Protein backbone atom coordinates (compact mmCIF):
# COMPACT_ATOMS: atom_id res chain seq x y z
CA MET A 1 32.80 185.05 -24.63
CA GLU A 2 33.41 188.67 -25.69
CA LYS A 3 29.87 189.08 -27.03
CA SER A 4 28.19 187.46 -24.03
CA PHE A 5 26.82 190.10 -21.65
CA SER A 6 23.52 191.30 -20.25
CA ASN A 7 23.09 194.78 -18.84
CA SER A 8 19.66 193.86 -17.50
CA TYR A 9 21.05 190.89 -15.57
CA LYS A 10 23.91 193.06 -14.29
CA GLU A 11 21.42 195.63 -13.00
CA ALA A 12 19.70 192.79 -11.14
CA GLY A 13 23.00 191.98 -9.40
CA VAL A 14 24.55 189.29 -11.60
CA ASP A 15 27.55 190.16 -13.80
CA VAL A 16 28.11 187.31 -16.24
CA THR A 17 31.29 188.89 -17.57
CA ALA A 18 32.83 188.70 -14.09
CA GLY A 19 32.22 184.97 -14.25
CA TYR A 20 34.25 184.68 -17.45
CA GLN A 21 37.06 186.67 -15.87
CA SER A 22 37.04 184.34 -12.86
CA VAL A 23 37.44 181.34 -15.15
CA GLU A 24 40.44 182.91 -16.85
CA LEU A 25 42.09 183.71 -13.52
CA MET A 26 41.53 180.25 -12.05
CA LYS A 27 42.43 178.26 -15.19
CA LYS A 28 46.13 177.87 -14.37
CA HIS A 29 45.32 176.62 -10.87
CA VAL A 30 42.83 174.07 -12.18
CA GLN A 31 45.15 172.81 -14.90
CA SER A 32 47.97 172.35 -12.37
CA THR A 33 45.94 169.52 -10.81
CA TYR A 34 45.43 167.53 -14.00
CA THR A 35 46.39 163.89 -13.80
CA LYS A 36 46.73 161.28 -16.53
CA GLY A 37 43.01 160.47 -16.56
CA VAL A 38 41.73 163.98 -17.34
CA ILE A 39 40.39 164.24 -20.89
CA SER A 40 38.48 167.53 -20.70
CA ASP A 41 39.42 171.14 -20.02
CA ILE A 42 37.72 173.73 -17.85
CA GLY A 43 34.65 175.37 -19.37
CA GLY A 44 32.73 172.38 -20.68
CA PHE A 45 29.40 171.10 -19.40
CA GLY A 46 30.92 168.06 -17.73
CA GLY A 47 34.28 166.99 -16.37
CA LEU A 48 35.58 163.94 -18.22
CA PHE A 49 37.90 161.40 -16.63
CA ALA A 50 39.18 158.01 -17.82
CA PRO A 51 40.21 155.88 -14.79
CA GLU A 52 42.96 153.27 -15.07
CA ILE A 53 41.26 149.94 -14.30
CA LYS A 54 43.15 147.33 -16.33
CA ASN A 55 44.97 146.01 -13.24
CA MET A 56 41.79 145.82 -11.15
CA LYS A 57 39.64 142.68 -10.90
CA GLU A 58 36.50 144.48 -9.77
CA PRO A 59 36.83 148.30 -9.68
CA ILE A 60 34.50 150.07 -7.25
CA LEU A 61 33.76 153.80 -7.42
CA VAL A 62 33.63 155.60 -4.08
CA SER A 63 32.16 159.08 -3.69
CA GLY A 64 32.13 161.68 -0.96
CA THR A 65 30.63 165.15 -0.59
CA ASP A 66 30.87 167.88 2.03
CA GLY A 67 31.25 171.60 2.59
CA VAL A 68 33.37 173.87 4.76
CA GLY A 69 30.54 174.93 7.08
CA THR A 70 30.55 177.93 9.39
CA LYS A 71 34.34 178.06 9.45
CA LEU A 72 33.70 180.28 6.43
CA LYS A 73 32.43 182.99 8.80
CA LEU A 74 35.98 183.42 10.09
CA ALA A 75 37.35 183.70 6.56
CA PHE A 76 34.82 186.47 5.89
CA LEU A 77 35.79 188.40 9.04
CA LEU A 78 39.52 188.23 8.25
CA ASN A 79 39.10 188.53 4.46
CA LYS A 80 41.34 185.47 4.14
CA HIS A 81 40.27 183.04 1.43
CA ASP A 82 43.42 181.22 0.33
CA THR A 83 43.17 178.06 2.47
CA ILE A 84 39.44 177.47 2.77
CA GLY A 85 39.48 175.50 -0.50
CA GLN A 86 41.84 172.93 1.03
CA ASP A 87 39.28 172.43 3.80
CA CYS A 88 36.62 171.66 1.21
CA VAL A 89 38.75 169.07 -0.56
CA ALA A 90 39.97 167.49 2.67
CA MET A 91 36.48 166.86 4.00
CA CYS A 92 35.69 164.79 0.91
CA VAL A 93 38.92 162.95 0.09
CA ASN A 94 39.67 162.00 3.70
CA ASP A 95 36.32 160.23 3.76
CA ILE A 96 36.99 158.42 0.48
CA VAL A 97 40.34 157.02 1.59
CA CYS A 98 38.70 155.40 4.64
CA CYS A 99 37.68 152.42 2.51
CA GLY A 100 41.07 152.29 0.79
CA ALA A 101 40.15 154.25 -2.33
CA GLN A 102 42.35 156.62 -4.32
CA PRO A 103 40.49 159.88 -5.06
CA LEU A 104 40.39 160.43 -8.83
CA PHE A 105 38.77 163.82 -9.30
CA PHE A 106 37.03 166.65 -7.48
CA LEU A 107 34.40 169.25 -8.36
CA ASP A 108 33.55 172.32 -6.29
CA TYR A 109 30.43 174.46 -5.98
CA MET A 110 30.64 178.08 -4.88
CA SER A 111 27.62 180.32 -4.41
CA LEU A 112 28.24 183.92 -3.44
CA TRP A 113 26.71 187.37 -3.07
CA LYS A 114 28.83 188.83 -5.87
CA ASN A 115 31.43 187.43 -8.23
CA ILE A 116 34.73 189.12 -7.43
CA PRO A 117 37.12 187.39 -9.87
CA GLU A 118 40.28 187.80 -7.80
CA MET A 119 38.62 186.40 -4.67
CA VAL A 120 37.07 183.49 -6.58
CA ALA A 121 40.45 182.64 -8.12
CA THR A 122 42.08 182.71 -4.68
CA ILE A 123 39.48 180.30 -3.30
CA VAL A 124 39.89 177.96 -6.28
CA LYS A 125 43.67 178.02 -5.85
CA GLY A 126 43.08 176.62 -2.35
CA VAL A 127 40.89 173.90 -3.86
CA ALA A 128 43.62 173.12 -6.41
CA ASP A 129 46.25 172.95 -3.68
CA GLY A 130 44.11 170.43 -1.81
CA CYS A 131 43.59 168.34 -4.91
CA LYS A 132 47.33 168.13 -5.51
CA MET A 133 47.87 167.02 -1.90
CA ALA A 134 45.33 164.25 -2.48
CA GLY A 135 46.64 163.27 -5.92
CA CYS A 136 43.32 163.97 -7.62
CA ALA A 137 42.29 166.30 -10.45
CA LEU A 138 40.01 169.32 -10.26
CA VAL A 139 37.92 168.61 -13.36
CA GLY A 140 35.21 171.22 -12.99
CA GLY A 141 32.96 173.23 -10.74
CA GLU A 142 30.33 175.92 -10.57
CA THR A 143 30.29 179.52 -9.40
CA ALA A 144 26.85 181.03 -8.88
CA GLU A 145 26.09 184.66 -8.07
CA MET A 146 23.08 184.89 -5.76
CA PRO A 147 22.40 188.51 -4.76
CA GLY A 148 19.81 188.69 -2.03
CA LEU A 149 20.56 185.22 -0.69
CA TYR A 150 23.93 186.02 0.89
CA SER A 151 25.07 189.02 2.89
CA GLU A 152 27.76 191.25 1.41
CA ASN A 153 31.16 189.54 1.05
CA GLU A 154 29.74 186.12 1.96
CA TYR A 155 29.70 182.83 0.06
CA ASP A 156 29.30 179.09 0.54
CA LEU A 157 31.72 176.44 -0.64
CA ALA A 158 31.05 172.74 -1.08
CA GLY A 159 32.26 169.95 -3.31
CA PHE A 160 32.44 166.26 -4.01
CA SER A 161 35.01 163.73 -5.06
CA VAL A 162 35.03 160.32 -6.72
CA GLY A 163 37.64 157.68 -6.06
CA ILE A 164 38.32 154.08 -7.02
CA VAL A 165 39.39 150.87 -5.29
CA ASP A 166 39.59 147.22 -6.29
CA LYS A 167 36.85 145.41 -4.36
CA GLU A 168 39.23 142.78 -3.00
CA LYS A 169 41.39 145.57 -1.51
CA MET A 170 38.62 147.48 0.24
CA ILE A 171 39.06 148.00 3.98
CA ASN A 172 37.01 145.28 5.67
CA ALA A 173 35.81 145.80 9.26
CA ASP A 174 35.17 142.05 9.59
CA THR A 175 38.91 141.50 10.02
CA ILE A 176 39.09 143.67 13.16
CA LYS A 177 39.48 141.61 16.33
CA GLU A 178 40.30 141.94 20.01
CA GLY A 179 43.94 142.88 20.57
CA ASP A 180 44.33 145.03 17.44
CA ILE A 181 45.88 148.47 17.87
CA VAL A 182 44.48 151.95 17.16
CA ILE A 183 46.90 154.46 15.62
CA GLY A 184 46.02 158.14 15.63
CA LEU A 185 47.29 160.62 13.04
CA ALA A 186 47.76 164.15 14.33
CA SER A 187 45.36 166.81 13.12
CA SER A 188 46.44 170.29 12.06
CA GLY A 189 43.93 171.89 14.40
CA VAL A 190 40.16 172.14 14.59
CA HIS A 191 39.89 171.20 10.89
CA SER A 192 36.39 172.05 9.60
CA ASN A 193 34.03 170.81 12.29
CA GLY A 194 32.49 172.24 15.43
CA PHE A 195 32.71 175.87 14.35
CA SER A 196 29.20 176.74 15.47
CA LEU A 197 30.39 175.94 18.99
CA VAL A 198 33.75 177.64 18.41
CA ARG A 199 32.05 180.84 17.30
CA LYS A 200 29.77 180.76 20.33
CA VAL A 201 32.63 180.11 22.76
CA PHE A 202 34.77 183.00 21.52
CA ASP A 203 31.87 185.25 20.41
CA VAL A 204 34.03 185.84 17.36
CA ASN A 205 34.56 189.16 15.67
CA GLU A 206 37.46 190.58 13.69
CA GLU A 207 39.14 192.10 16.74
CA LYS A 208 39.08 188.84 18.72
CA LEU A 209 40.36 186.82 15.79
CA LYS A 210 43.35 189.14 15.44
CA GLU A 211 44.24 188.86 19.12
CA TYR A 212 47.56 187.11 19.77
CA LYS A 213 47.30 184.14 22.12
CA GLU A 214 50.45 183.26 24.02
CA GLU A 215 49.41 179.63 24.53
CA LEU A 216 48.87 179.23 20.77
CA GLY A 217 51.95 181.11 19.61
CA LYS A 218 49.80 182.88 17.03
CA THR A 219 46.56 184.80 16.72
CA LEU A 220 43.28 183.08 17.45
CA GLY A 221 42.24 183.54 13.82
CA GLU A 222 45.44 181.96 12.51
CA ALA A 223 44.93 178.92 14.73
CA LEU A 224 41.27 178.47 13.84
CA LEU A 225 41.74 178.96 10.09
CA GLU A 226 44.56 176.39 9.88
CA PRO A 227 43.37 174.21 6.97
CA THR A 228 42.24 170.62 7.38
CA LYS A 229 45.05 168.12 6.94
CA ILE A 230 44.79 165.79 3.95
CA TYR A 231 45.80 162.22 4.79
CA VAL A 232 45.31 160.48 1.45
CA LYS A 233 48.88 159.83 0.31
CA PRO A 234 50.28 158.62 3.68
CA VAL A 235 47.29 156.34 4.25
CA LEU A 236 47.46 154.83 0.76
CA GLU A 237 51.18 154.21 1.26
CA LEU A 238 50.42 152.45 4.53
CA ILE A 239 47.77 150.28 2.84
CA LYS A 240 50.33 149.23 0.20
CA GLN A 241 52.72 147.88 2.79
CA ILE A 242 50.63 146.35 5.58
CA GLU A 243 47.11 145.15 6.25
CA VAL A 244 44.95 148.05 7.41
CA LYS A 245 41.78 146.79 9.09
CA GLY A 246 39.87 150.00 9.73
CA ILE A 247 40.08 153.74 9.07
CA SER A 248 38.01 156.55 10.56
CA HIS A 249 38.08 160.22 9.58
CA ILE A 250 37.46 162.17 12.81
CA THR A 251 35.07 164.91 11.75
CA GLY A 252 31.84 166.34 13.20
CA GLY A 253 30.79 164.27 16.20
CA GLY A 254 34.37 163.68 17.28
CA PHE A 255 35.59 160.35 18.61
CA TYR A 256 32.23 159.06 19.77
CA GLU A 257 30.43 159.45 16.46
CA ASN A 258 33.15 158.61 13.96
CA MET A 259 35.24 155.81 15.43
CA PRO A 260 32.34 153.32 15.66
CA ARG A 261 31.83 153.68 11.90
CA MET A 262 34.95 151.60 11.20
CA LEU A 263 34.07 148.76 13.61
CA ASN A 264 32.14 145.52 13.33
CA ASP A 265 29.51 144.75 15.97
CA LYS A 266 31.73 142.36 17.94
CA VAL A 267 34.37 144.85 19.04
CA ALA A 268 34.79 148.17 20.85
CA LEU A 269 37.69 150.57 21.44
CA ASN A 270 39.54 151.63 24.55
CA ILE A 271 41.15 155.02 23.85
CA ASP A 272 43.84 156.51 26.09
CA LYS A 273 43.54 160.30 25.99
CA ASN A 274 47.00 160.57 27.61
CA SER A 275 48.74 158.79 24.72
CA TYR A 276 49.40 162.06 22.91
CA GLU A 277 49.48 165.78 23.66
CA ILE A 278 46.14 167.54 23.21
CA PRO A 279 46.79 170.65 21.05
CA ALA A 280 46.56 173.99 22.83
CA ILE A 281 43.64 175.21 20.71
CA PHE A 282 41.34 172.55 22.18
CA LYS A 283 42.44 173.34 25.73
CA LEU A 284 41.66 177.00 25.06
CA ILE A 285 38.22 176.18 23.62
CA GLN A 286 37.36 173.98 26.60
CA LYS A 287 38.59 176.48 29.19
CA THR A 288 36.98 179.53 27.57
CA GLY A 289 33.63 177.84 27.03
CA ASN A 290 33.67 175.77 30.24
CA ILE A 291 32.83 172.75 28.08
CA PRO A 292 32.58 169.28 29.66
CA GLU A 293 35.34 166.93 28.54
CA ARG A 294 32.81 164.42 27.21
CA ASP A 295 31.35 167.11 24.93
CA MET A 296 34.80 168.02 23.64
CA TYR A 297 35.42 164.44 22.47
CA ASN A 298 31.93 164.32 20.98
CA THR A 299 32.41 167.53 18.97
CA PHE A 300 36.06 167.99 17.98
CA ASN A 301 38.91 165.84 16.69
CA MET A 302 40.95 166.69 19.82
CA GLY A 303 44.20 166.49 17.88
CA ILE A 304 43.54 163.21 16.06
CA GLY A 305 42.35 163.72 12.48
CA MET A 306 42.31 160.07 11.49
CA ALA A 307 42.30 156.77 13.39
CA ILE A 308 43.66 153.54 11.87
CA ILE A 309 43.38 149.97 13.12
CA VAL A 310 46.18 147.48 12.47
CA ALA A 311 47.24 144.14 13.96
CA LYS A 312 49.43 144.45 17.04
CA GLN A 313 52.38 142.82 15.28
CA ASP A 314 52.23 145.50 12.58
CA GLN A 315 52.17 148.53 14.87
CA GLU A 316 55.88 149.41 14.78
CA LYS A 317 56.11 149.03 11.02
CA ALA A 318 52.96 151.13 10.60
CA LEU A 319 54.36 153.91 12.78
CA GLU A 320 57.62 153.90 10.79
CA ILE A 321 55.82 154.07 7.43
CA LEU A 322 53.66 156.95 8.63
CA LYS A 323 56.67 158.76 10.09
CA GLN A 324 58.53 158.46 6.78
CA ALA A 325 55.44 159.89 5.07
CA GLY A 326 55.67 162.98 7.31
CA GLU A 327 52.90 162.09 9.75
CA ASN A 328 52.91 162.42 13.53
CA ALA A 329 51.37 159.11 14.55
CA TYR A 330 50.63 157.69 17.99
CA ILE A 331 49.29 154.45 19.44
CA ILE A 332 46.14 155.78 21.08
CA GLY A 333 44.20 152.67 21.99
CA GLU A 334 43.29 149.05 21.47
CA VAL A 335 40.43 146.90 20.25
CA VAL A 336 38.42 145.04 22.91
CA LYS A 337 35.26 142.96 22.94
CA GLY A 338 32.03 144.91 22.69
CA ASN A 339 29.46 146.37 20.35
CA LYS A 340 31.05 149.49 18.82
CA GLU A 341 31.47 151.30 22.16
CA ILE A 342 34.14 153.99 22.43
CA ASN A 343 35.63 154.07 25.92
CA ILE A 344 37.87 157.06 26.76
CA ASN A 345 39.57 157.48 30.15
CA LEU A 346 38.01 160.89 30.83
């Protein structure tokens, strides 16, 4: 790449040589995610992956795509870019595992005002960290300089992942019935949803984000930038050992939008909000913004990043498996008759 440069393009705001430097700086992070199926290296036109399917009767590919959203605005204000990549990965792989699939690989897309190699490499390291947590490979991506489209020091980050599951082992909502139990897995915080409301509530700026909050035990910025938890490995371990009937990733839209997505049309859920401790960050958001409780549960994860349905007789074993996998898990509700309603004792 030594002979590849364009002074004219650079004068227009795009430095192609900075892109090559970024690739060199991120290469070790990308390669650290490589799994057995990777058969290409960074820099090609396509990421190549050979999935292991010989033990599957009917392999099904499952894909998911998402971005980080306006949580990025906080990263810009604090000039902190090392964890935002984990958010990007989490939003995709946590969706994929909801049908019982193992994420295989991930690709990211970053568009930014100016290619600063060190910053780009830091962001990609966060992506790589997330991929390793999910057991998938970072097989490629794209970094695009777009002067004039973004304000100074701003960028957007999105990505997608592909996973695989044997059709006979896919999570099947038809098995859910009255009397089944809902288990909630603790979130790490706000994750990557609802930040348009968060930014409005706190009227965020650098000074406010650096303010220490006694009830949080950290600064507001530290609490809000806590990366999204990745649940892939604990959930797949649970699926190996017991029958999991439904899984819901609690993202934008909170309980009311996401939990019905794992149900059949003959059942509903009764959720007990007192079954676990609501994290302090959500109490602070609600108090500061004077937000109705119903809106909180229809916007944020409220401390539950993933909900799982199992048979009542499997609940204790499920809790033990999840505990051994390092998860804080709670019985938060039960399945009742209905048509996908979510009933919370507000």
